[in-house]
C-alpha atoms as a PDB file:
ATOM      1  CA  MET A   1      79.696  77.944 129.563  1.00  0.00           C
ATOM      2  CA  ALA A   2      78.627  74.581 128.015  1.00  0.00           C
ATOM      3  CA  PHE A   3      80.424  71.966 125.852  1.00  0.00           C
ATOM      4  CA  THR A   4      79.038  71.278 122.426  1.00  0.00           C
ATOM      5  CA  LYS A   5      79.706  68.689 119.864  1.00  0.00           C
ATOM      6  CA  ALA A   6      82.814  69.198 117.764  1.00  0.00           C
ATOM      7  CA  VAL A   7      81.992  69.619 114.116  1.00  0.00           C
ATOM      8  CA  LYS A   8      84.558  69.875 111.254  1.00  0.00           C
ATOM      9  CA  THR A   9      84.055  73.080 109.426  1.00  0.00           C
ATOM     10  CA  GLN A  10      85.664  74.353 106.087  1.00  0.00           C
ATOM     11  CA  ALA A  11      88.861  76.238 106.536  1.00  0.00           C
ATOM     12  CA  LYS A  12      91.378  78.638 105.006  1.00  0.00           C
ATOM     13  CA  LEU A  13      94.990  77.333 104.482  1.00  0.00           C
ATOM     14  CA  ARG A  14      97.671  78.256 106.779  1.00  0.00           C
ATOM     15  CA  LEU A  15     100.912  76.609 105.325  1.00  0.00           C
ATOM     16  CA  CYS A  16     104.525  77.350 106.020  1.00  0.00           C
ATOM     17  CA  LEU A  17     107.476  76.332 103.943  1.00  0.00           C
ATOM     18  CA  ILE A  18     110.845  76.279 105.789  1.00  0.00           C
ATOM     19  CA  GLY A  19     114.207  75.789 104.078  1.00  0.00           C
ATOM     20  CA  PRO A  20     117.560  77.191 103.351  1.00  0.00           C
ATOM     21  CA  ALA A  21     118.454  78.997 100.004  1.00  0.00           C
ATOM     22  CA  GLY A  22     117.898  76.957  97.029  1.00  0.00           C
ATOM     23  CA  SER A  23     115.630  74.625  98.559  1.00  0.00           C
ATOM     24  CA  GLY A  24     112.637  75.671  96.257  1.00  0.00           C
ATOM     25  CA  LYS A  25     110.502  77.589  98.759  1.00  0.00           C
ATOM     26  CA  THR A  26     109.266  80.190  96.323  1.00  0.00           C
ATOM     27  CA  TYR A  27     108.699  77.820  93.332  1.00  0.00           C
ATOM     28  CA  SER A  28     106.904  75.424  95.588  1.00  0.00           C
ATOM     29  CA  ALA A  29     104.702  78.055  97.208  1.00  0.00           C
ATOM     30  CA  LEU A  30     103.669  79.222  93.826  1.00  0.00           C
ATOM     31  CA  SER A  31     102.981  75.644  92.459  1.00  0.00           C
ATOM     32  CA  ILE A  32     100.988  74.674  95.689  1.00  0.00           C
ATOM     33  CA  GLY A  33      99.063  78.088  95.702  1.00  0.00           C
ATOM     34  CA  THR A  34      98.383  78.149  91.738  1.00  0.00           C
ATOM     35  CA  GLY A  35      96.909  74.578  92.004  1.00  0.00           C
ATOM     36  CA  LEU A  36      94.741  75.180  94.913  1.00  0.00           C
ATOM     37  CA  ALA A  37      93.542  78.543  93.406  1.00  0.00           C
ATOM     38  CA  LYS A  38      92.412  76.732  90.256  1.00  0.00           C
ATOM     39  CA  LEU A  39      90.594  74.146  92.291  1.00  0.00           C
ATOM     40  CA  LEU A  40      88.852  76.864  94.203  1.00  0.00           C
ATOM     41  CA  GLY A  41      87.402  78.340  90.902  1.00  0.00           C
ATOM     42  CA  LYS A  42      88.776  81.866  90.351  1.00  0.00           C
ATOM     43  CA  GLY A  43      92.388  81.143  90.336  1.00  0.00           C
ATOM     44  CA  LYS A  44      93.752  84.363  91.720  1.00  0.00           C
ATOM     45  CA  VAL A  45      97.025  84.392  93.489  1.00  0.00           C
ATOM     46  CA  ALA A  46      98.795  87.378  95.134  1.00  0.00           C
ATOM     47  CA  LEU A  47     102.452  87.368  96.422  1.00  0.00           C
ATOM     48  CA  ILE A  48     103.996  89.682  98.841  1.00  0.00           C
ATOM     49  CA  ASP A  49     107.716  89.780  97.619  1.00  0.00           C
ATOM     50  CA  THR A  50     110.465  90.566 100.032  1.00  0.00           C
ATOM     51  CA  GLU A  51     113.214  89.267  97.723  1.00  0.00           C
ATOM     52  CA  HIS A  52     113.812  92.130  95.386  1.00  0.00           C
ATOM     53  CA  GLY A  53     111.330  90.798  92.889  1.00  0.00           C
ATOM     54  CA  SER A  54     112.917  87.324  92.590  1.00  0.00           C
ATOM     55  CA  ALA A  55     109.382  85.771  92.657  1.00  0.00           C
ATOM     56  CA  SER A  56     108.676  87.515  89.283  1.00  0.00           C
ATOM     57  CA  LYS A  57     111.195  85.399  87.546  1.00  0.00           C
ATOM     58  CA  TYR A  58     108.591  82.662  87.627  1.00  0.00           C
ATOM     59  CA  ALA A  59     105.970  84.935  85.968  1.00  0.00           C
ATOM     60  CA  GLY A  60     106.422  82.989  82.734  1.00  0.00           C
ATOM     61  CA  LEU A  61     105.440  79.695  84.591  1.00  0.00           C
ATOM     62  CA  PHE A  62     102.713  81.021  87.065  1.00  0.00           C
ATOM     63  CA  ASP A  63      99.941  83.775  86.788  1.00  0.00           C
ATOM     64  CA  PHE A  64      99.947  85.935  89.977  1.00  0.00           C
ATOM     65  CA  ASP A  65     100.033  89.531  91.124  1.00  0.00           C
ATOM     66  CA  THR A  66     102.914  90.875  93.221  1.00  0.00           C
ATOM     67  CA  LEU A  67     103.545  93.320  95.912  1.00  0.00           C
ATOM     68  CA  GLN A  68     107.098  94.221  96.561  1.00  0.00           C
ATOM     69  CA  LEU A  69     108.193  95.430  99.919  1.00  0.00           C
ATOM     70  CA  ASP A  70     111.374  97.220 100.603  1.00  0.00           C
ATOM     71  CA  SER A  71     110.805  97.741 104.309  1.00  0.00           C
ATOM     72  CA  PHE A  72     109.680  94.967 106.372  1.00  0.00           C
ATOM     73  CA  SER A  73     107.740  96.327 109.328  1.00  0.00           C
ATOM     74  CA  ALA A  74     104.882  94.275 110.535  1.00  0.00           C
ATOM     75  CA  GLU A  75     102.543  97.182 109.710  1.00  0.00           C
ATOM     76  CA  ASN A  76     103.547  96.814 106.090  1.00  0.00           C
ATOM     77  CA  TYR A  77     103.006  93.106 105.942  1.00  0.00           C
ATOM     78  CA  MET A  78      99.586  93.655 107.677  1.00  0.00           C
ATOM     79  CA  ALA A  79      98.697  96.211 105.101  1.00  0.00           C
ATOM     80  CA  GLY A  80      99.562  93.829 102.324  1.00  0.00           C
ATOM     81  CA  ILE A  81      97.434  91.021 103.773  1.00  0.00           C
ATOM     82  CA  LYS A  82      94.589  93.377 104.036  1.00  0.00           C
ATOM     83  CA  ASP A  83      94.992  94.351 100.273  1.00  0.00           C
ATOM     84  CA  ALA A  84      94.975  90.686  99.192  1.00  0.00           C
ATOM     85  CA  SER A  85      91.432  90.300 100.279  1.00  0.00           C
ATOM     86  CA  GLY A  86      89.509  88.983  97.251  1.00  0.00           C
ATOM     87  CA  TYR A  87      92.382  86.810  95.989  1.00  0.00           C
ATOM     88  CA  ASP A  88      91.971  83.098  96.454  1.00  0.00           C
ATOM     89  CA  VAL A  89      95.520  82.491  97.691  1.00  0.00           C
ATOM     90  CA  LEU A  90      98.103  84.863  99.245  1.00  0.00           C
ATOM     91  CA  ILE A  91     101.804  83.883  99.298  1.00  0.00           C
ATOM     92  CA  ILE A  92     104.124  85.657 101.717  1.00  0.00           C
ATOM     93  CA  ASP A  93     107.759  85.236 100.452  1.00  0.00           C
ATOM     94  CA  SER A  94     109.169  85.509 103.025  1.00  0.00           C
ATOM     95  CA  LEU A  95     107.856  86.099 106.534  1.00  0.00           C
ATOM     96  CA  SER A  96     111.634  85.908 107.918  1.00  0.00           C
ATOM     97  CA  HIS A  97     111.948  89.542 106.891  1.00  0.00           C
ATOM     98  CA  ALA A  98     109.396  90.740 109.381  1.00  0.00           C
ATOM     99  CA  TRP A  99     111.849  89.386 111.961  1.00  0.00           C
ATOM    100  CA  SER A 100     115.220  90.022 110.604  1.00  0.00           C
ATOM    101  CA  GLY A 101     114.917  92.309 107.644  1.00  0.00           C
ATOM    102  CA  ILE A 102     115.250  96.266 107.420  1.00  0.00           C
ATOM    103  CA  GLY A 103     112.444  97.646 109.421  1.00  0.00           C
ATOM    104  CA  GLY A 104     111.678  94.330 110.973  1.00  0.00           C
ATOM    105  CA  ILE A 105     111.418  93.379 114.758  1.00  0.00           C
ATOM    106  CA  LEU A 106     115.073  92.859 115.475  1.00  0.00           C
ATOM    107  CA  ASP A 107     115.950  96.084 113.490  1.00  0.00           C
ATOM    108  CA  GLN A 108     113.491  97.944 115.488  1.00  0.00           C
ATOM    109  CA  LYS A 109     114.785  96.465 118.693  1.00  0.00           C
ATOM    110  CA  ASN A 110     118.426  97.593 117.845  1.00  0.00           C
ATOM    111  CA  VAL A 111     117.391 101.084 117.111  1.00  0.00           C
ATOM    112  CA  MET A 112     115.319 101.237 120.354  1.00  0.00           C
ATOM    113  CA  ASP A 113     118.354  99.796 122.349  1.00  0.00           C
ATOM    114  CA  ALA A 114     120.952 102.262 120.690  1.00  0.00           C
ATOM    115  CA  ARG A 115     118.824 105.170 121.844  1.00  0.00           C
ATOM    116  CA  GLY A 116     119.290 104.179 125.437  1.00  0.00           C
ATOM    117  CA  GLY A 117     115.966 102.368 125.880  1.00  0.00           C
ATOM    118  CA  ASN A 118     115.511  99.561 128.361  1.00  0.00           C
ATOM    119  CA  SER A 119     115.897  96.138 126.741  1.00  0.00           C
ATOM    120  CA  PHE A 120     113.333  94.733 128.968  1.00  0.00           C
ATOM    121  CA  MET A 121     110.783  97.274 128.207  1.00  0.00           C
ATOM    122  CA  ASN A 122     111.716  97.472 124.365  1.00  0.00           C
ATOM    123  CA  TRP A 123     110.809  93.738 123.897  1.00  0.00           C
ATOM    124  CA  GLY A 124     107.512  94.509 125.734  1.00  0.00           C
ATOM    125  CA  LYS A 125     106.704  97.083 123.152  1.00  0.00           C
ATOM    126  CA  LEU A 126     107.683  94.960 120.102  1.00  0.00           C
ATOM    127  CA  THR A 127     106.232  91.645 121.101  1.00  0.00           C
ATOM    128  CA  PRO A 128     102.645  92.950 120.687  1.00  0.00           C
ATOM    129  CA  VAL A 129     103.511  94.240 117.338  1.00  0.00           C
ATOM    130  CA  LEU A 130     104.547  90.684 116.046  1.00  0.00           C
ATOM    131  CA  ASN A 131     101.647  89.213 117.629  1.00  0.00           C
ATOM    132  CA  ARG A 132      99.312  91.384 115.785  1.00  0.00           C
ATOM    133  CA  LEU A 133     100.995  90.320 112.492  1.00  0.00           C
ATOM    134  CA  VAL A 134     100.439  86.683 113.344  1.00  0.00           C
ATOM    135  CA  GLU A 135      96.709  87.406 114.336  1.00  0.00           C
ATOM    136  CA  THR A 136      96.309  89.022 110.995  1.00  0.00           C
ATOM    137  CA  ILE A 137      97.657  86.013 109.264  1.00  0.00           C
ATOM    138  CA  LEU A 138      95.408  83.621 111.258  1.00  0.00           C
ATOM    139  CA  ALA A 139      92.322  85.861 110.766  1.00  0.00           C
ATOM    140  CA  SER A 140      92.538  86.562 107.024  1.00  0.00           C
ATOM    141  CA  ASP A 141      89.792  85.401 104.988  1.00  0.00           C
ATOM    142  CA  THR A 142      92.288  84.319 102.249  1.00  0.00           C
ATOM    143  CA  HIS A 143      94.367  81.103 101.969  1.00  0.00           C
ATOM    144  CA  ILE A 144      97.866  81.879 102.998  1.00  0.00           C
ATOM    145  CA  ILE A 145     101.281  80.245 102.229  1.00  0.00           C
ATOM    146  CA  CYS A 146     104.324  81.571 104.137  1.00  0.00           C
ATOM    147  CA  THR A 147     107.903  80.970 103.399  1.00  0.00           C
ATOM    148  CA  LEU A 148     110.635  81.055 106.126  1.00  0.00           C
ATOM    149  CA  ARG A 149     114.171  81.098 105.571  1.00  0.00           C
ATOM    150  CA  SER A 150     116.226  78.620 107.854  1.00  0.00           C
ATOM    151  CA  LYS A 151     119.625  79.037 109.291  1.00  0.00           C
ATOM    152  CA  MET A 152     122.119  76.856 107.358  1.00  0.00           C
ATOM    153  CA  GLU A 153     124.765  74.341 108.282  1.00  0.00           C
ATOM    154  CA  TYR A 154     127.175  72.399 106.141  1.00  0.00           C
ATOM    155  CA  VAL A 155     127.458  68.606 106.914  1.00  0.00           C
ATOM    156  CA  GLN A 156     129.786  65.955 105.554  1.00  0.00           C
ATOM    157  CA  GLU A 157     128.202  62.912 104.136  1.00  0.00           C
ATOM    158  CA  LYS A 158     129.580  59.706 102.469  1.00  0.00           C
ATOM    159  CA  ASP A 159     127.958  58.037  99.459  1.00  0.00           C
ATOM    160  CA  ASP A 160     127.741  54.399  98.742  1.00  0.00           C
ATOM    161  CA  ARG A 161     131.262  54.430  97.338  1.00  0.00           C
ATOM    162  CA  GLY A 162     132.669  56.150 100.413  1.00  0.00           C
ATOM    163  CA  LYS A 163     133.210  59.474  98.678  1.00  0.00           C
ATOM    164  CA  VAL A 164     132.763  62.375 101.022  1.00  0.00           C
ATOM    165  CA  THR A 165     130.457  65.214  99.875  1.00  0.00           C
ATOM    166  CA  ILE A 166     129.372  68.481 101.523  1.00  0.00           C
ATOM    167  CA  ARG A 167     125.713  69.192 101.885  1.00  0.00           C
ATOM    168  CA  LYS A 168     123.915  72.252 102.999  1.00  0.00           C
ATOM    169  CA  VAL A 169     121.057  71.610 105.335  1.00  0.00           C
ATOM    170  CA  GLY A 170     118.490  73.868 106.959  1.00  0.00           C
ATOM    171  CA  MET A 171     118.088  74.412 110.596  1.00  0.00           C
ATOM    172  CA  GLN A 172     115.979  76.697 112.884  1.00  0.00           C
ATOM    173  CA  PRO A 173     113.710  78.987 110.880  1.00  0.00           C
ATOM    174  CA  VAL A 174     114.611  82.695 110.940  1.00  0.00           C
ATOM    175  CA  MET A 175     111.606  83.856 112.970  1.00  0.00           C
ATOM    176  CA  ARG A 176     110.532  83.895 116.525  1.00  0.00           C
ATOM    177  CA  ASP A 177     110.753  80.628 118.360  1.00  0.00           C
ATOM    178  CA  GLY A 178     107.672  78.650 118.044  1.00  0.00           C
ATOM    179  CA  ILE A 179     106.291  80.166 115.005  1.00  0.00           C
ATOM    180  CA  GLU A 180     105.515  76.866 113.484  1.00  0.00           C
ATOM    181  CA  TYR A 181     102.699  76.164 116.054  1.00  0.00           C
ATOM    182  CA  GLU A 182     100.525  78.772 114.312  1.00  0.00           C
ATOM    183  CA  PHE A 183     100.201  76.867 111.071  1.00  0.00           C
ATOM    184  CA  ASP A 184      98.014  73.983 110.078  1.00  0.00           C
ATOM    185  CA  LEU A 185     100.712  72.444 107.750  1.00  0.00           C
ATOM    186  CA  VAL A 186     104.518  72.832 107.972  1.00  0.00           C
ATOM    187  CA  GLY A 187     106.740  71.570 105.347  1.00  0.00           C
ATOM    188  CA  ASP A 188     110.601  71.473 105.577  1.00  0.00           C
ATOM    189  CA  MET A 189     112.432  71.953 102.187  1.00  0.00           C
ATOM    190  CA  ASP A 190     115.883  70.381 101.475  1.00  0.00           C
ATOM    191  CA  GLN A 191     118.361  71.063  98.852  1.00  0.00           C
ATOM    192  CA  ASP A 192     116.931  68.180  96.619  1.00  0.00           C
ATOM    193  CA  ASN A 193     113.546  70.045  96.653  1.00  0.00           C
ATOM    194  CA  ASN A 194     111.882  67.568  98.877  1.00  0.00           C
ATOM    195  CA  PHE A 195     108.810  68.607 100.830  1.00  0.00           C
ATOM    196  CA  MET A 196     108.982  66.883 104.116  1.00  0.00           C
ATOM    197  CA  VAL A 197     105.862  67.319 106.308  1.00  0.00           C
ATOM    198  CA  SER A 198     106.824  67.948 109.841  1.00  0.00           C
ATOM    199  CA  LYS A 199     103.499  69.017 111.213  1.00  0.00           C
ATOM    200  CA  THR A 200      99.992  68.641 109.622  1.00  0.00           C
ATOM    201  CA  ARG A 201      96.315  68.800 110.720  1.00  0.00           C
ATOM    202  CA  CYS A 202      95.420  67.221 107.284  1.00  0.00           C
ATOM    203  CA  PRO A 203      95.748  63.385 107.835  1.00  0.00           C
ATOM    204  CA  GLU A 204      96.315  62.530 104.245  1.00  0.00           C
ATOM    205  CA  LEU A 205      99.670  64.463 104.403  1.00  0.00           C
ATOM    206  CA  SER A 206     100.914  63.116 107.731  1.00  0.00           C
ATOM    207  CA  GLY A 207     104.489  61.927 107.234  1.00  0.00           C
ATOM    208  CA  GLN A 208     104.615  62.599 103.516  1.00  0.00           C
ATOM    209  CA  VAL A 209     107.897  63.386 101.682  1.00  0.00           C
ATOM    210  CA  VAL A 210     107.200  64.780  98.293  1.00  0.00           C
ATOM    211  CA  LYS A 211     109.569  65.487  95.452  1.00  0.00           C
ATOM    212  CA  HIS A 212     109.007  68.811  93.784  1.00  0.00           C
ATOM    213  CA  PRO A 213     105.588  69.542  95.500  1.00  0.00           C
ATOM    214  CA  ASN A 214     102.905  70.786  93.163  1.00  0.00           C
ATOM    215  CA  GLY A 215      99.394  69.866  92.148  1.00  0.00           C
ATOM    216  CA  GLN A 216      99.243  66.761  94.282  1.00  0.00           C
ATOM    217  CA  ILE A 217      99.707  68.681  97.467  1.00  0.00           C
ATOM    218  CA  SER A 218      97.093  71.017  96.203  1.00  0.00           C
ATOM    219  CA  LYS A 219      94.523  68.468  95.677  1.00  0.00           C
ATOM    220  CA  ALA A 220      94.875  66.908  99.121  1.00  0.00           C
ATOM    221  CA  LEU A 221      94.608  70.235 100.787  1.00  0.00           C
ATOM    222  CA  HIS A 222      91.542  71.365  98.732  1.00  0.00           C
ATOM    223  CA  ALA A 223      89.730  68.146  99.764  1.00  0.00           C
ATOM    224  CA  TRP A 224      90.582  68.917 103.298  1.00  0.00           C
ATOM    225  CA  LEU A 225      89.956  72.461 103.400  1.00  0.00           C
ATOM    226  CA  THR A 226      86.499  72.210 101.676  1.00  0.00           C
ATOM    227  CA  ASP A 227      85.369  69.286 103.837  1.00  0.00           C
ATOM    228  CA  GLY A 228      82.805  69.975 106.460  1.00  0.00           C
ATOM    229  CA  SER A 229      80.020  72.410 107.141  1.00  0.00           C
ATOM    230  CA  GLU A 230      80.346  75.930 106.111  1.00  0.00           C
ATOM    231  CA  ALA A 231      82.420  77.971 108.798  1.00  0.00           C
ATOM    232  CA  LYS A 232      80.275  80.555 110.498  1.00  0.00           C
ATOM    233  CA  ALA A 233      81.727  84.051 110.736  1.00  0.00           C
ATOM    234  CA  ALA A 234      84.047  84.326 113.684  1.00  0.00           C
ATOM    235  CA  PRO A 235      82.873  86.475 116.507  1.00  0.00           C
ATOM    236  CA  GLU A 236      84.865  89.791 116.975  1.00  0.00           C
ATOM    237  CA  ALA A 237      87.744  88.864 118.973  1.00  0.00           C
ATOM    238  CA  LYS A 238      88.369  90.471 122.378  1.00  0.00           C
ATOM    239  CA  ALA A 239      91.283  93.004 122.538  1.00  0.00           C
ATOM    240  CA  SER A 240      94.408  90.934 122.967  1.00  0.00           C
ATOM    241  CA  THR A 241      97.355  92.728 124.276  1.00  0.00           C
ATOM    242  CA  ASP A 242     100.821  92.118 125.872  1.00  0.00           C
ATOM    243  CA  ALA A 243     100.811  92.722 129.584  1.00  0.00           C
ATOM    244  CA  TYR A 244     103.802  95.055 129.203  1.00  0.00           C
ATOM    245  CA  ALA A 245     101.583  97.634 127.475  1.00  0.00           C
ATOM    246  CA  LEU A 246      99.320  97.788 130.424  1.00  0.00           C
ATOM    247  CA  LEU A 247     101.928  99.551 132.712  1.00  0.00           C
ATOM    248  CA  ASP A 248     103.546 102.722 132.143  1.00  0.00           C
ATOM    249  CA  GLU A 249     107.347 103.105 131.989  1.00  0.00           C
ATOM    250  CA  LYS A 250     107.459 103.843 135.845  1.00  0.00           C
ATOM    251  CA  GLY A 251     105.522 100.760 136.454  1.00  0.00           C
ATOM    252  CA  LEU A 252     107.744  98.427 134.153  1.00  0.00           C
ATOM    253  CA  LYS A 253     110.836  99.714 135.844  1.00  0.00           C
ATOM    254  CA  TRP A 254     109.279  98.933 139.291  1.00  0.00           C
ATOM    255  CA  LEU A 255     108.327  95.508 138.203  1.00  0.00           C
ATOM    256  CA  GLN A 256     111.689  94.731 136.677  1.00  0.00           C
ATOM    257  CA  LYS A 257     113.427  95.766 139.832  1.00  0.00           C
ATOM    258  CA  GLN A 258     111.168  93.666 142.080  1.00  0.00           C
ATOM    259  CA  THR A 259     111.376  90.524 139.869  1.00  0.00           C
ATOM    260  CA  THR A 260     115.291  90.874 139.651  1.00  0.00           C
ATOM    261  CA  LYS A 261     115.790  91.840 143.254  1.00  0.00           C
ATOM    262  CA  ASP A 262     114.225  88.754 144.839  1.00  0.00           C
ATOM    263  CA  GLY A 263     115.427  86.282 142.302  1.00  0.00           C
ATOM    264  CA  ARG A 264     111.875  85.510 140.807  1.00  0.00           C
ATOM    265  CA  TRP A 265     110.907  86.051 137.362  1.00  0.00           C
ATOM    266  CA  ILE A 266     107.215  86.986 136.555  1.00  0.00           C
ATOM    267  CA  LYS A 267     106.294  85.607 133.049  1.00  0.00           C
ATOM    268  CA  MET A 268     105.180  88.443 130.905  1.00  0.00           C
ATOM    269  CA  GLY A 269     103.196  86.589 128.285  1.00  0.00           C
ATOM    270  CA  ASN A 270     100.226  87.485 126.161  1.00  0.00           C
ATOM    271  CA  MET A 271      97.259  88.023 128.248  1.00  0.00           C
ATOM    272  CA  LEU A 272      93.669  88.289 127.246  1.00  0.00           C
ATOM    273  CA  ASN A 273      91.668  91.167 128.582  1.00  0.00           C
ATOM    274  CA  ASP A 274      88.210  89.882 129.381  1.00  0.00           C
ATOM    275  CA  GLY A 275      87.006  93.168 130.846  1.00  0.00           C
ATOM    276  CA  GLU A 276      87.310  91.778 134.429  1.00  0.00           C
ATOM    277  CA  SER A 277      90.882  90.814 135.164  1.00  0.00           C
ATOM    278  CA  LEU A 278      94.168  90.542 133.446  1.00  0.00           C
ATOM    279  CA  THR A 279      96.921  88.690 135.171  1.00  0.00           C
ATOM    280  CA  VAL A 280     100.635  88.626 134.713  1.00  0.00           C
ATOM    281  CA  GLY A 281     102.106  85.289 136.198  1.00  0.00           C
ATOM    282  CA  GLY A 282      99.062  85.154 138.487  1.00  0.00           C
ATOM    283  CA  ILE A 283      99.370  88.818 139.674  1.00  0.00           C
ATOM    284  CA  THR A 284      96.814  91.244 138.349  1.00  0.00           C
ATOM    285  CA  ILE A 285      97.602  94.499 136.911  1.00  0.00           C
ATOM    286  CA  GLY A 286      95.510  96.249 139.371  1.00  0.00           C
ATOM    287  CA  ARG A 287      97.515  94.475 142.174  1.00  0.00           C
ATOM    288  CA  VAL A 288     100.767  95.431 140.617  1.00  0.00           C
ATOM    289  CA  LYS A 289      99.593  99.109 140.666  1.00  0.00           C
ATOM    290  CA  GLU A 290      98.523  98.580 144.348  1.00  0.00           C
ATOM    291  CA  LEU A 291     102.055  97.306 145.275  1.00  0.00           C
ATOM    292  CA  MET A 292     103.662 100.353 143.468  1.00  0.00           C
ATOM    293  CA  GLU A 293     101.541 102.725 145.577  1.00  0.00           C
ATOM    294  CA  ALA A 294     102.369 100.865 148.722  1.00  0.00           C
ATOM    295  CA  SER A 295     106.127 100.893 148.029  1.00  0.00           C
ATOM    296  CA  LYS A 296     106.301 104.773 147.643  1.00  0.00           C
END
């Protein structure tokens, strides 16, 4: 291994808009996406619609193709992302359904638990599925804008005259914790259609609050995304998996029993199989199997 000089390369957009109902996520995604697609040249925009065709109500304002999902498994999302290859911009509206919609991760988990499955092991089977969806988004050769619903809360506020008003505010996004880390730009939308940048790798947009985001965001993003040397084709990724999947059901039961019995918890995170070793909290899978044999 050797360090090399860091060089900025051109990139594909990974933007996430988070907000409660009525904050303008779909319109803003279409506005930003359409502006970016036009600047890129072809102007082709695709949209995965999980909202019963609601995005098509903007078809008179924006030119885009749509794919409507009625079951929200990660596999359906991944198939849609693959089919969007060739478009300049893909909008996923919304990604929250992959988590909490019909056929989504939580729905599948409930079904598995209802069948008498072990909750500990069921998460182990589903976590890699969501990971594959996230990796599909990140590896796509298309610029991608995702919307996420946020949990809502109502707050009381006083105006300049002391009048109390009730306002709806967005809270935690409806998705697995930490999903924001996967995106280059994250914007929180409020009920006044303000786009508030909460995370960005694009310096020009740092700390920005934009009313009714549209072409001005697209121009800044286009300049940033196309700046730098042409990106080289990424090498084929090594197989990534969840450590749970490397043990059979018997092994998982044994591991769960051991970690519960002595009061410790071995962290079962996403591990990279490098062809030589694969560790779970510092314990190799091979060692776990050895311990299983020794415990017989």
